């Protein structure tokens, strides 16, 4: 487990460049991003036959925007 997961690395890069708030914990945000992806995928799979086409992409974008709006720095 010595390797930092990809999402956490991306978050750390965002912190370093000032795009993301300094107080976010990269590993935690990375876990939440992964959880959003897996949870959305799970719900979509269970309801796929009743969902309109493109719904998975739409839900992933909405959930990701919700999280990212909470961690970006404000100008």
N, C-alpha and C. Protein backbone atom coordinates (compact mmCIF):
# COMPACT_ATOMS: atom_id res chain seq x y z
N UNK A 1 0.80 -1.20 0.00
CA UNK A 1 0.00 0.00 0.00
C UNK A 1 0.84 1.26 0.00
N UNK A 2 2.09 1.18 -0.32
CA UNK A 2 2.95 2.34 -0.30
C UNK A 2 2.67 3.33 -1.41
N UNK A 3 2.04 2.89 -2.46
CA UNK A 3 1.78 3.76 -3.61
C UNK A 3 0.50 4.57 -3.39
N UNK A 4 0.57 5.86 -3.70
CA UNK A 4 -0.59 6.74 -3.59
C UNK A 4 -1.49 6.51 -4.80
N UNK A 5 -2.78 6.26 -4.57
CA UNK A 5 -3.70 6.07 -5.69
C UNK A 5 -3.75 7.29 -6.61
N UNK A 6 -4.10 7.05 -7.85
CA UNK A 6 -4.10 8.07 -8.89
C UNK A 6 -4.95 9.28 -8.53
N UNK A 7 -6.18 9.08 -8.05
CA UNK A 7 -7.04 10.21 -7.71
C UNK A 7 -6.38 11.10 -6.65
N UNK A 8 -5.76 10.49 -5.65
CA UNK A 8 -5.10 11.27 -4.60
C UNK A 8 -3.93 12.07 -5.17
N UNK A 9 -3.21 11.49 -6.11
CA UNK A 9 -2.09 12.21 -6.75
C UNK A 9 -2.60 13.43 -7.51
N UNK A 10 -3.71 13.26 -8.20
CA UNK A 10 -4.29 14.37 -8.95
C UNK A 10 -4.72 15.48 -8.00
N UNK A 11 -5.33 15.11 -6.90
CA UNK A 11 -5.76 16.10 -5.90
C UNK A 11 -4.55 16.81 -5.31
N UNK A 12 -3.50 16.08 -5.01
CA UNK A 12 -2.29 16.70 -4.47
C UNK A 12 -1.71 17.69 -5.46
N UNK A 13 -1.69 17.34 -6.74
CA UNK A 13 -1.21 18.28 -7.76
C UNK A 13 -2.05 19.54 -7.77
N UNK A 14 -3.36 19.40 -7.65
CA UNK A 14 -4.26 20.56 -7.60
C UNK A 14 -4.02 21.44 -6.39
N UNK A 15 -3.68 20.83 -5.28
CA UNK A 15 -3.34 21.61 -4.08
C UNK A 15 -2.06 22.39 -4.31
N UNK A 16 -1.06 21.73 -4.89
CA UNK A 16 0.24 22.37 -5.13
C UNK A 16 0.12 23.56 -6.07
N UNK A 17 -0.75 23.45 -7.07
CA UNK A 17 -0.89 24.53 -8.05
C UNK A 17 -1.87 25.60 -7.60
N UNK A 18 -2.52 25.40 -6.46
CA UNK A 18 -3.47 26.38 -5.96
C UNK A 18 -4.87 26.28 -6.54
N UNK A 19 -5.12 25.25 -7.32
CA UNK A 19 -6.46 25.07 -7.90
C UNK A 19 -7.45 24.49 -6.89
N UNK A 20 -6.92 23.74 -5.94
CA UNK A 20 -7.76 23.15 -4.89
C UNK A 20 -7.36 23.70 -3.54
N UNK A 21 -8.31 23.71 -2.63
CA UNK A 21 -8.05 24.23 -1.29
C UNK A 21 -6.92 23.46 -0.62
N UNK A 22 -6.14 24.17 0.18
CA UNK A 22 -5.01 23.56 0.87
C UNK A 22 -5.43 22.61 1.98
N UNK A 23 -6.64 22.80 2.51
CA UNK A 23 -7.06 21.99 3.66
C UNK A 23 -7.69 20.65 3.28
N UNK A 24 -7.83 20.35 1.99
CA UNK A 24 -8.38 19.05 1.61
C UNK A 24 -7.31 17.97 1.78
N UNK A 25 -7.75 16.79 2.10
CA UNK A 25 -6.86 15.65 2.29
C UNK A 25 -6.91 14.81 1.01
N UNK A 26 -5.82 14.78 0.24
CA UNK A 26 -5.82 14.11 -1.06
C UNK A 26 -6.34 12.67 -1.02
N UNK A 27 -5.90 11.89 -0.06
CA UNK A 27 -6.34 10.49 0.03
C UNK A 27 -7.85 10.41 0.25
N UNK A 28 -8.36 11.29 1.09
CA UNK A 28 -9.79 11.29 1.38
C UNK A 28 -10.61 11.69 0.15
N UNK A 29 -10.18 12.74 -0.53
CA UNK A 29 -10.89 13.18 -1.74
C UNK A 29 -10.79 12.10 -2.82
N UNK A 30 -9.63 11.48 -2.93
CA UNK A 30 -9.47 10.38 -3.89
C UNK A 30 -10.43 9.24 -3.60
N UNK A 31 -10.59 8.91 -2.32
CA UNK A 31 -11.53 7.86 -1.94
C UNK A 31 -12.97 8.25 -2.28
N UNK A 32 -13.32 9.51 -2.04
CA UNK A 32 -14.68 9.98 -2.35
C UNK A 32 -14.92 9.94 -3.86
N UNK A 33 -13.95 10.35 -4.66
CA UNK A 33 -14.08 10.27 -6.12
C UNK A 33 -14.31 8.82 -6.56
N UNK A 34 -13.54 7.91 -6.01
CA UNK A 34 -13.71 6.49 -6.34
C UNK A 34 -15.08 6.01 -5.90
N UNK A 35 -15.51 6.41 -4.70
CA UNK A 35 -16.81 5.99 -4.19
C UNK A 35 -17.95 6.54 -5.05
N UNK A 36 -17.82 7.78 -5.49
CA UNK A 36 -18.83 8.36 -6.39
C UNK A 36 -18.93 7.52 -7.66
N UNK A 37 -17.78 7.20 -8.23
CA UNK A 37 -17.77 6.42 -9.46
C UNK A 37 -18.41 5.05 -9.26
N UNK A 38 -17.96 4.33 -8.24
CA UNK A 38 -18.47 2.97 -8.03
C UNK A 38 -19.94 2.97 -7.63
N UNK A 39 -20.34 3.92 -6.78
CA UNK A 39 -21.74 3.99 -6.36
C UNK A 39 -22.66 4.32 -7.52
N UNK A 40 -22.25 5.27 -8.34
CA UNK A 40 -23.05 5.64 -9.50
C UNK A 40 -23.15 4.48 -10.48
N UNK A 41 -22.02 3.82 -10.71
CA UNK A 41 -22.00 2.67 -11.61
C UNK A 41 -22.91 1.57 -11.08
N UNK A 42 -22.87 1.30 -9.80
CA UNK A 42 -23.71 0.27 -9.18
C UNK A 42 -25.20 0.59 -9.36
N UNK A 43 -25.59 1.84 -9.05
CA UNK A 43 -27.00 2.22 -9.20
C UNK A 43 -27.44 2.14 -10.65
N UNK A 44 -26.59 2.59 -11.56
CA UNK A 44 -26.91 2.55 -12.98
C UNK A 44 -27.11 1.11 -13.44
N UNK A 45 -26.22 0.23 -13.02
CA UNK A 45 -26.30 -1.18 -13.43
C UNK A 45 -27.60 -1.81 -12.95
N UNK A 46 -27.98 -1.52 -11.71
CA UNK A 46 -29.21 -2.10 -11.15
C UNK A 46 -30.46 -1.57 -11.85
N UNK A 47 -30.39 -0.36 -12.38
CA UNK A 47 -31.57 0.28 -12.97
C UNK A 47 -31.42 0.50 -14.47
N UNK A 48 -30.42 -0.11 -15.09
CA UNK A 48 -30.07 0.18 -16.48
C UNK A 48 -31.23 0.02 -17.46
N UNK A 49 -32.03 -0.99 -17.28
CA UNK A 49 -33.10 -1.20 -18.26
C UNK A 49 -34.20 -0.15 -18.16
N UNK A 50 -34.27 0.57 -17.04
CA UNK A 50 -35.28 1.62 -16.87
C UNK A 50 -34.73 3.02 -17.08
N UNK A 51 -33.42 3.14 -17.29
CA UNK A 51 -32.78 4.44 -17.41
C UNK A 51 -32.63 4.85 -18.87
N UNK A 52 -32.81 6.13 -19.16
CA UNK A 52 -32.58 6.60 -20.52
C UNK A 52 -31.09 6.54 -20.88
N UNK A 53 -30.81 6.44 -22.15
CA UNK A 53 -29.42 6.39 -22.61
C UNK A 53 -28.69 7.67 -22.20
N UNK A 54 -27.45 7.53 -21.78
CA UNK A 54 -26.65 8.69 -21.37
C UNK A 54 -26.82 9.05 -19.90
N UNK A 55 -27.67 8.36 -19.19
CA UNK A 55 -27.93 8.68 -17.79
C UNK A 55 -26.69 8.46 -16.92
N UNK A 56 -25.93 7.41 -17.18
CA UNK A 56 -24.73 7.14 -16.40
C UNK A 56 -23.76 8.31 -16.48
N UNK A 57 -23.47 8.77 -17.68
CA UNK A 57 -22.55 9.89 -17.86
C UNK A 57 -23.07 11.14 -17.15
N UNK A 58 -24.36 11.40 -17.28
CA UNK A 58 -24.96 12.58 -16.65
C UNK A 58 -24.83 12.52 -15.12
N UNK A 59 -25.13 11.37 -14.54
CA UNK A 59 -25.02 11.24 -13.08
C UNK A 59 -23.59 11.36 -12.60
N UNK A 60 -22.64 10.78 -13.35
CA UNK A 60 -21.23 10.89 -12.96
C UNK A 60 -20.77 12.34 -13.00
N UNK A 61 -21.17 13.07 -14.02
CA UNK A 61 -20.79 14.48 -14.14
C UNK A 61 -21.40 15.30 -13.01
N UNK A 62 -22.67 15.09 -12.71
CA UNK A 62 -23.33 15.86 -11.66
C UNK A 62 -22.70 15.59 -10.30
N UNK A 63 -22.43 14.34 -9.98
CA UNK A 63 -21.85 13.99 -8.69
C UNK A 63 -20.42 14.54 -8.59
N UNK A 64 -19.66 14.45 -9.66
CA UNK A 64 -18.29 14.96 -9.65
C UNK A 64 -18.28 16.48 -9.49
N UNK A 65 -19.18 17.17 -10.18
CA UNK A 65 -19.26 18.63 -10.05
C UNK A 65 -19.62 19.03 -8.62
N UNK A 66 -20.52 18.29 -8.01
CA UNK A 66 -20.90 18.57 -6.63
C UNK A 66 -19.69 18.50 -5.71
N UNK A 67 -18.90 17.46 -5.83
CA UNK A 67 -17.70 17.33 -5.01
C UNK A 67 -16.69 18.40 -5.34
N UNK A 68 -16.38 18.57 -6.61
CA UNK A 68 -15.33 19.51 -7.01
C UNK A 68 -15.68 20.96 -6.64
N UNK A 69 -16.94 21.33 -6.71
CA UNK A 69 -17.34 22.67 -6.30
C UNK A 69 -17.05 22.92 -4.82
N UNK A 70 -16.98 21.87 -4.06
CA UNK A 70 -16.69 22.00 -2.64
C UNK A 70 -15.19 22.08 -2.32
N UNK A 71 -14.33 21.70 -3.25
CA UNK A 71 -12.90 21.67 -2.94
C UNK A 71 -12.06 22.64 -3.76
N UNK A 72 -12.65 23.28 -4.76
CA UNK A 72 -11.86 24.23 -5.55
C UNK A 72 -11.66 25.52 -4.78
N UNK A 73 -10.59 26.21 -5.09
CA UNK A 73 -10.36 27.52 -4.47
C UNK A 73 -11.25 28.53 -5.17
N UNK A 74 -11.61 29.55 -4.46
CA UNK A 74 -12.44 30.62 -5.03
C UNK A 74 -11.55 31.81 -5.32
N UNK A 75 -11.72 32.41 -6.53
CA UNK A 75 -10.88 33.57 -6.87
C UNK A 75 -11.22 34.78 -6.01
